[in-house]
Amino acid sequence: MPISSKDIIPLTRARAKLTELCAQVQREHGEKILTKNGESCAALIDAERLDYYHRLEREHVHIKLLEEAVRGLVDVNAGKVVSARKLKARYGR
């Protein structure tokens, strides 16, 4: 759902109408961008959408870890390995 100008709310107005804004966000599963001195400072989003965003973020991390593991296996299979002794010598530990 794209953000429109009606979804950008000054913080002072948001304070006065927070209950109404929360109900609207929950009902429409939308988002509101709160501004302070003309700059965006926070977002008001539906709790279910926030949970969804967090799940996406966790999935993204897992995908990146799997990609790194696959790259590591490809390197091992290609013989691109370094012994622990060489690593210690290279990094001084």
C-alpha atoms as a PDB file:
ATOM      1  CA  MET A   1       0.000   0.000   0.000  1.00  0.00           C
ATOM      2  CA  PRO A   2       1.643   3.270  -1.079  1.00  0.00           C
ATOM      3  CA  ILE A   3       1.919   6.155   1.368  1.00  0.00           C
ATOM      4  CA  SER A   4      -0.009   9.260   0.380  1.00  0.00           C
ATOM      5  CA  SER A   5       0.159  12.795   1.722  1.00  0.00           C
ATOM      6  CA  LYS A   6      -2.789  12.056   4.038  1.00  0.00           C
ATOM      7  CA  ASP A   7      -0.618   9.412   5.722  1.00  0.00           C
ATOM      8  CA  ILE A   8       1.978  12.003   6.780  1.00  0.00           C
ATOM      9  CA  ILE A   9       0.915  13.456  10.112  1.00  0.00           C
ATOM     10  CA  PRO A  10       2.615  16.164  12.180  1.00  0.00           C
ATOM     11  CA  LEU A  11       3.440  14.925  15.669  1.00  0.00           C
ATOM     12  CA  THR A  12       1.335  17.638  17.306  1.00  0.00           C
ATOM     13  CA  ARG A  13      -1.737  16.489  15.360  1.00  0.00           C
ATOM     14  CA  ALA A  14      -0.945  12.834  16.087  1.00  0.00           C
ATOM     15  CA  ARG A  15      -0.871  13.552  19.831  1.00  0.00           C
ATOM     16  CA  ALA A  16      -4.329  15.101  19.646  1.00  0.00           C
ATOM     17  CA  LYS A  17      -5.812  12.298  17.522  1.00  0.00           C
ATOM     18  CA  LEU A  18      -3.794   9.255  18.573  1.00  0.00           C
ATOM     19  CA  THR A  19      -6.794   7.070  19.386  1.00  0.00           C
ATOM     20  CA  GLU A  20      -8.416   7.873  16.047  1.00  0.00           C
ATOM     21  CA  LEU A  21      -5.156   7.303  14.144  1.00  0.00           C
ATOM     22  CA  CYS A  22      -4.582   3.961  15.878  1.00  0.00           C
ATOM     23  CA  ALA A  23      -8.094   2.824  14.993  1.00  0.00           C
ATOM     24  CA  GLN A  24      -7.614   3.869  11.368  1.00  0.00           C
ATOM     25  CA  VAL A  25      -4.241   2.122  11.065  1.00  0.00           C
ATOM     26  CA  GLN A  26      -5.651  -1.047  12.615  1.00  0.00           C
ATOM     27  CA  ARG A  27      -8.795  -0.987  10.486  1.00  0.00           C
ATOM     28  CA  GLU A  28      -6.982  -0.326   7.196  1.00  0.00           C
ATOM     29  CA  HIS A  29      -3.781  -2.254   8.038  1.00  0.00           C
ATOM     30  CA  GLY A  30      -2.016   0.884   6.873  1.00  0.00           C
ATOM     31  CA  GLU A  31       0.783   3.108   8.041  1.00  0.00           C
ATOM     32  CA  LYS A  32       1.160   6.700   9.164  1.00  0.00           C
ATOM     33  CA  ILE A  33       4.408   8.637   9.072  1.00  0.00           C
ATOM     34  CA  LEU A  34       4.782  11.052  11.970  1.00  0.00           C
ATOM     35  CA  THR A  35       6.801  14.216  11.409  1.00  0.00           C
ATOM     36  CA  LYS A  36       8.519  16.607  13.770  1.00  0.00           C
ATOM     37  CA  ASN A  37       9.591  19.992  12.412  1.00  0.00           C
ATOM     38  CA  GLY A  38       8.790  18.743   8.913  1.00  0.00           C
ATOM     39  CA  GLU A  39      11.094  15.699   9.154  1.00  0.00           C
ATOM     40  CA  SER A  40       9.877  12.132   9.516  1.00  0.00           C
ATOM     41  CA  CYS A  41      10.544  10.864  13.041  1.00  0.00           C
ATOM     42  CA  ALA A  42       8.408   7.751  13.565  1.00  0.00           C
ATOM     43  CA  ALA A  43       5.820   5.491  12.003  1.00  0.00           C
ATOM     44  CA  LEU A  44       2.501   4.247  13.288  1.00  0.00           C
ATOM     45  CA  ILE A  45       1.741   0.803  11.869  1.00  0.00           C
ATOM     46  CA  ASP A  46      -0.642  -2.036  12.573  1.00  0.00           C
ATOM     47  CA  ALA A  47       0.787  -4.525  15.116  1.00  0.00           C
ATOM     48  CA  GLU A  48       0.153  -7.458  12.766  1.00  0.00           C
ATOM     49  CA  ARG A  49       2.123  -5.695  10.038  1.00  0.00           C
ATOM     50  CA  LEU A  50       4.983  -5.073  12.461  1.00  0.00           C
ATOM     51  CA  ASP A  51       5.031  -8.801  13.316  1.00  0.00           C
ATOM     52  CA  TYR A  52       5.100  -9.548   9.589  1.00  0.00           C
ATOM     53  CA  TYR A  53       8.051  -7.175   9.074  1.00  0.00           C
ATOM     54  CA  HIS A  54       9.939  -8.880  11.915  1.00  0.00           C
ATOM     55  CA  ARG A  55       9.294 -12.317  10.396  1.00  0.00           C
ATOM     56  CA  LEU A  56      10.575 -11.074   7.025  1.00  0.00           C
ATOM     57  CA  GLU A  57      13.693  -9.727   8.656  1.00  0.00           C
ATOM     58  CA  ARG A  58      14.395 -13.054  10.404  1.00  0.00           C
ATOM     59  CA  GLU A  59      13.824 -14.943   7.147  1.00  0.00           C
ATOM     60  CA  HIS A  60      16.203 -12.596   5.355  1.00  0.00           C
ATOM     61  CA  VAL A  61      18.913 -13.250   7.965  1.00  0.00           C
ATOM     62  CA  HIS A  62      18.416 -17.012   7.622  1.00  0.00           C
ATOM     63  CA  ILE A  63      18.642 -16.825   3.832  1.00  0.00           C
ATOM     64  CA  LYS A  64      21.870 -14.812   4.039  1.00  0.00           C
ATOM     65  CA  LEU A  65      23.367 -17.344   6.486  1.00  0.00           C
ATOM     66  CA  LEU A  66      22.421 -20.211   4.168  1.00  0.00           C
ATOM     67  CA  GLU A  67      23.983 -18.385   1.205  1.00  0.00           C
ATOM     68  CA  GLU A  68      27.201 -17.910   3.189  1.00  0.00           C
ATOM     69  CA  ALA A  69      27.221 -21.607   4.138  1.00  0.00           C
ATOM     70  CA  VAL A  70      26.770 -22.608   0.489  1.00  0.00           C
ATOM     71  CA  ARG A  71      29.601 -20.273  -0.550  1.00  0.00           C
ATOM     72  CA  GLY A  72      31.796 -21.851   2.132  1.00  0.00           C
ATOM     73  CA  LEU A  73      31.026 -25.349   0.893  1.00  0.00           C
ATOM     74  CA  VAL A  74      31.767 -24.317  -2.688  1.00  0.00           C
ATOM     75  CA  ASP A  75      35.128 -22.913  -1.535  1.00  0.00           C
ATOM     76  CA  VAL A  76      35.953 -26.108   0.396  1.00  0.00           C
ATOM     77  CA  ASN A  77      35.028 -28.275  -2.582  1.00  0.00           C
ATOM     78  CA  ALA A  78      37.212 -26.075  -4.815  1.00  0.00           C
ATOM     79  CA  GLY A  79      40.131 -26.459  -2.435  1.00  0.00           C
ATOM     80  CA  LYS A  80      40.063 -22.828  -1.335  1.00  0.00           C
ATOM     81  CA  VAL A  81      40.958 -23.505   2.283  1.00  0.00           C
ATOM     82  CA  VAL A  82      43.461 -22.072   4.751  1.00  0.00           C
ATOM     83  CA  SER A  83      44.838 -24.038   7.688  1.00  0.00           C
ATOM     84  CA  ALA A  84      44.313 -22.858  11.250  1.00  0.00           C
ATOM     85  CA  ARG A  85      48.078 -22.349  11.550  1.00  0.00           C
ATOM     86  CA  LYS A  86      48.094 -19.958   8.551  1.00  0.00           C
ATOM     87  CA  LEU A  87      45.092 -18.082   9.925  1.00  0.00           C
ATOM     88  CA  LYS A  88      46.812 -17.653  13.298  1.00  0.00           C
ATOM     89  CA  ALA A  89      49.968 -16.430  11.572  1.00  0.00           C
ATOM     90  CA  ARG A  90      48.008 -14.048   9.373  1.00  0.00           C
ATOM     91  CA  TYR A  91      45.895 -12.539  12.143  1.00  0.00           C
ATOM     92  CA  GLY A  92      48.242 -13.010  15.113  1.00  0.00           C
ATOM     93  CA  ARG A  93      45.975 -15.067  17.312  1.00  0.00           C
END
